[in-house]
Amino acid sequence: MNQLWIGTYHGRHDGTQVTVTATRDDTLLEPYAWTCTCGATRSFAVDHGLARSAWRHTHPTLVDRLRPWVARLRRTRRTR
């Protein structure tokens, strides 16, 4: 097995408790990746940004939480 565990991040988003597992797999083109229990994944060529991205997915900022709401609001106004 070539996959190594790097870290685990616990948090919540969209009102759901989630866990993100960060791993490294040398057999892949982008060996650094994280996978969330919500189904989201993200991969990186280098480890820079891996921890920050995983942390932000489990602990979204106010701007991150408002972004989908603003997008829905804009779509609703365009259809009127």
C-alpha atoms as a PDB file:
ATOM      1  CA  MET A   1       0.000   0.000   0.000  1.00  0.00           C
ATOM      2  CA  ASN A   2       1.465   3.338  -1.066  1.00  0.00           C
ATOM      3  CA  GLN A   3      -1.060   5.574   0.670  1.00  0.00           C
ATOM      4  CA  LEU A   4       0.087   7.338   3.842  1.00  0.00           C
ATOM      5  CA  TRP A   5      -2.169   9.066   6.357  1.00  0.00           C
ATOM      6  CA  ILE A   6      -1.222  12.723   6.879  1.00  0.00           C
ATOM      7  CA  GLY A   7      -3.962  14.051   9.141  1.00  0.00           C
ATOM      8  CA  THR A   8      -7.609  14.185  10.101  1.00  0.00           C
ATOM      9  CA  TYR A   9      -9.737  17.308  10.454  1.00  0.00           C
ATOM     10  CA  HIS A  10     -13.049  17.354  12.314  1.00  0.00           C
ATOM     11  CA  GLY A  11     -15.645  20.098  11.956  1.00  0.00           C
ATOM     12  CA  ARG A  12     -18.984  20.883  10.450  1.00  0.00           C
ATOM     13  CA  HIS A  13     -20.431  22.558   7.415  1.00  0.00           C
ATOM     14  CA  ASP A  14     -23.940  22.849   6.051  1.00  0.00           C
ATOM     15  CA  GLY A  15     -25.138  21.896   9.541  1.00  0.00           C
ATOM     16  CA  THR A  16     -23.532  18.445   9.346  1.00  0.00           C
ATOM     17  CA  GLN A  17     -20.642  16.978  11.344  1.00  0.00           C
ATOM     18  CA  VAL A  18     -17.846  16.037   8.903  1.00  0.00           C
ATOM     19  CA  THR A  19     -14.392  14.475   8.969  1.00  0.00           C
ATOM     20  CA  VAL A  20     -11.690  15.158   6.402  1.00  0.00           C
ATOM     21  CA  THR A  21      -8.816  12.703   5.989  1.00  0.00           C
ATOM     22  CA  ALA A  22      -5.647  13.963   4.305  1.00  0.00           C
ATOM     23  CA  THR A  23      -3.433  11.395   2.592  1.00  0.00           C
ATOM     24  CA  ARG A  24      -0.406  11.015   0.348  1.00  0.00           C
ATOM     25  CA  ASP A  25      -0.234   8.417  -2.428  1.00  0.00           C
ATOM     26  CA  ASP A  26       3.006   8.404  -4.442  1.00  0.00           C
ATOM     27  CA  THR A  27       1.441   6.424  -7.281  1.00  0.00           C
ATOM     28  CA  LEU A  28      -0.809   9.354  -8.312  1.00  0.00           C
ATOM     29  CA  LEU A  29       0.039  12.394 -10.456  1.00  0.00           C
ATOM     30  CA  GLU A  30      -1.234  14.637  -7.641  1.00  0.00           C
ATOM     31  CA  PRO A  31      -0.136  12.628  -4.580  1.00  0.00           C
ATOM     32  CA  TYR A  32      -1.594  14.852  -1.842  1.00  0.00           C
ATOM     33  CA  ALA A  33      -5.346  14.732  -1.328  1.00  0.00           C
ATOM     34  CA  TRP A  34      -8.124  15.024   1.204  1.00  0.00           C
ATOM     35  CA  THR A  35     -11.475  13.268   1.266  1.00  0.00           C
ATOM     36  CA  CYS A  36     -14.488  14.397   3.283  1.00  0.00           C
ATOM     37  CA  THR A  37     -17.303  12.285   4.686  1.00  0.00           C
ATOM     38  CA  CYS A  38     -19.690  14.588   2.768  1.00  0.00           C
ATOM     39  CA  GLY A  39     -18.260  13.222  -0.489  1.00  0.00           C
ATOM     40  CA  ALA A  40     -16.042  16.167  -1.438  1.00  0.00           C
ATOM     41  CA  THR A  41     -12.425  15.548  -2.448  1.00  0.00           C
ATOM     42  CA  ARG A  42      -9.513  17.692  -3.505  1.00  0.00           C
ATOM     43  CA  SER A  43      -6.029  16.753  -4.706  1.00  0.00           C
ATOM     44  CA  PHE A  44      -2.763  18.672  -4.892  1.00  0.00           C
ATOM     45  CA  ALA A  45       0.546  18.226  -6.710  1.00  0.00           C
ATOM     46  CA  VAL A  46       2.475  19.462  -3.649  1.00  0.00           C
ATOM     47  CA  ASP A  47       1.574  19.595   0.023  1.00  0.00           C
ATOM     48  CA  HIS A  48       1.330  23.406   0.078  1.00  0.00           C
ATOM     49  CA  GLY A  49      -2.296  24.321   0.715  1.00  0.00           C
ATOM     50  CA  LEU A  50      -3.412  20.814   1.682  1.00  0.00           C
ATOM     51  CA  ALA A  51      -3.840  21.496   5.404  1.00  0.00           C
ATOM     52  CA  ARG A  52      -5.363  24.950   4.859  1.00  0.00           C
ATOM     53  CA  SER A  53      -7.860  23.637   2.319  1.00  0.00           C
ATOM     54  CA  ALA A  54      -8.888  20.711   4.531  1.00  0.00           C
ATOM     55  CA  TRP A  55      -9.234  22.975   7.582  1.00  0.00           C
ATOM     56  CA  ARG A  56     -11.307  25.503   5.660  1.00  0.00           C
ATOM     57  CA  HIS A  57     -13.600  22.766   4.355  1.00  0.00           C
ATOM     58  CA  THR A  58     -14.341  21.646   7.918  1.00  0.00           C
ATOM     59  CA  HIS A  59     -14.377  25.189   9.356  1.00  0.00           C
ATOM     60  CA  PRO A  60     -15.836  27.454   6.637  1.00  0.00           C
ATOM     61  CA  THR A  61     -15.486  31.190   7.149  1.00  0.00           C
ATOM     62  CA  LEU A  62     -18.489  33.499   7.155  1.00  0.00           C
ATOM     63  CA  VAL A  63     -17.723  34.410   3.529  1.00  0.00           C
ATOM     64  CA  ASP A  64     -17.608  30.706   2.589  1.00  0.00           C
ATOM     65  CA  ARG A  65     -20.981  30.127   4.239  1.00  0.00           C
ATOM     66  CA  LEU A  66     -22.590  33.182   2.586  1.00  0.00           C
ATOM     67  CA  ARG A  67     -21.291  32.498  -0.945  1.00  0.00           C
ATOM     68  CA  PRO A  68     -23.945  29.849  -1.863  1.00  0.00           C
ATOM     69  CA  TRP A  69     -26.705  31.986  -0.340  1.00  0.00           C
ATOM     70  CA  VAL A  70     -25.676  35.011  -2.445  1.00  0.00           C
ATOM     71  CA  ALA A  71     -25.505  32.863  -5.591  1.00  0.00           C
ATOM     72  CA  ARG A  72     -29.052  31.558  -4.961  1.00  0.00           C
ATOM     73  CA  LEU A  73     -30.289  35.090  -4.333  1.00  0.00           C
ATOM     74  CA  ARG A  74     -28.804  36.298  -7.624  1.00  0.00           C
ATOM     75  CA  ARG A  75     -30.365  33.397  -9.566  1.00  0.00           C
ATOM     76  CA  THR A  76     -33.762  34.105  -8.000  1.00  0.00           C
ATOM     77  CA  ARG A  77     -33.626  37.785  -8.955  1.00  0.00           C
ATOM     78  CA  ARG A  78     -32.636  37.022 -12.556  1.00  0.00           C
ATOM     79  CA  THR A  79     -35.626  34.735 -13.085  1.00  0.00           C
ATOM     80  CA  ARG A  80     -38.180  37.312 -12.001  1.00  0.00           C
END
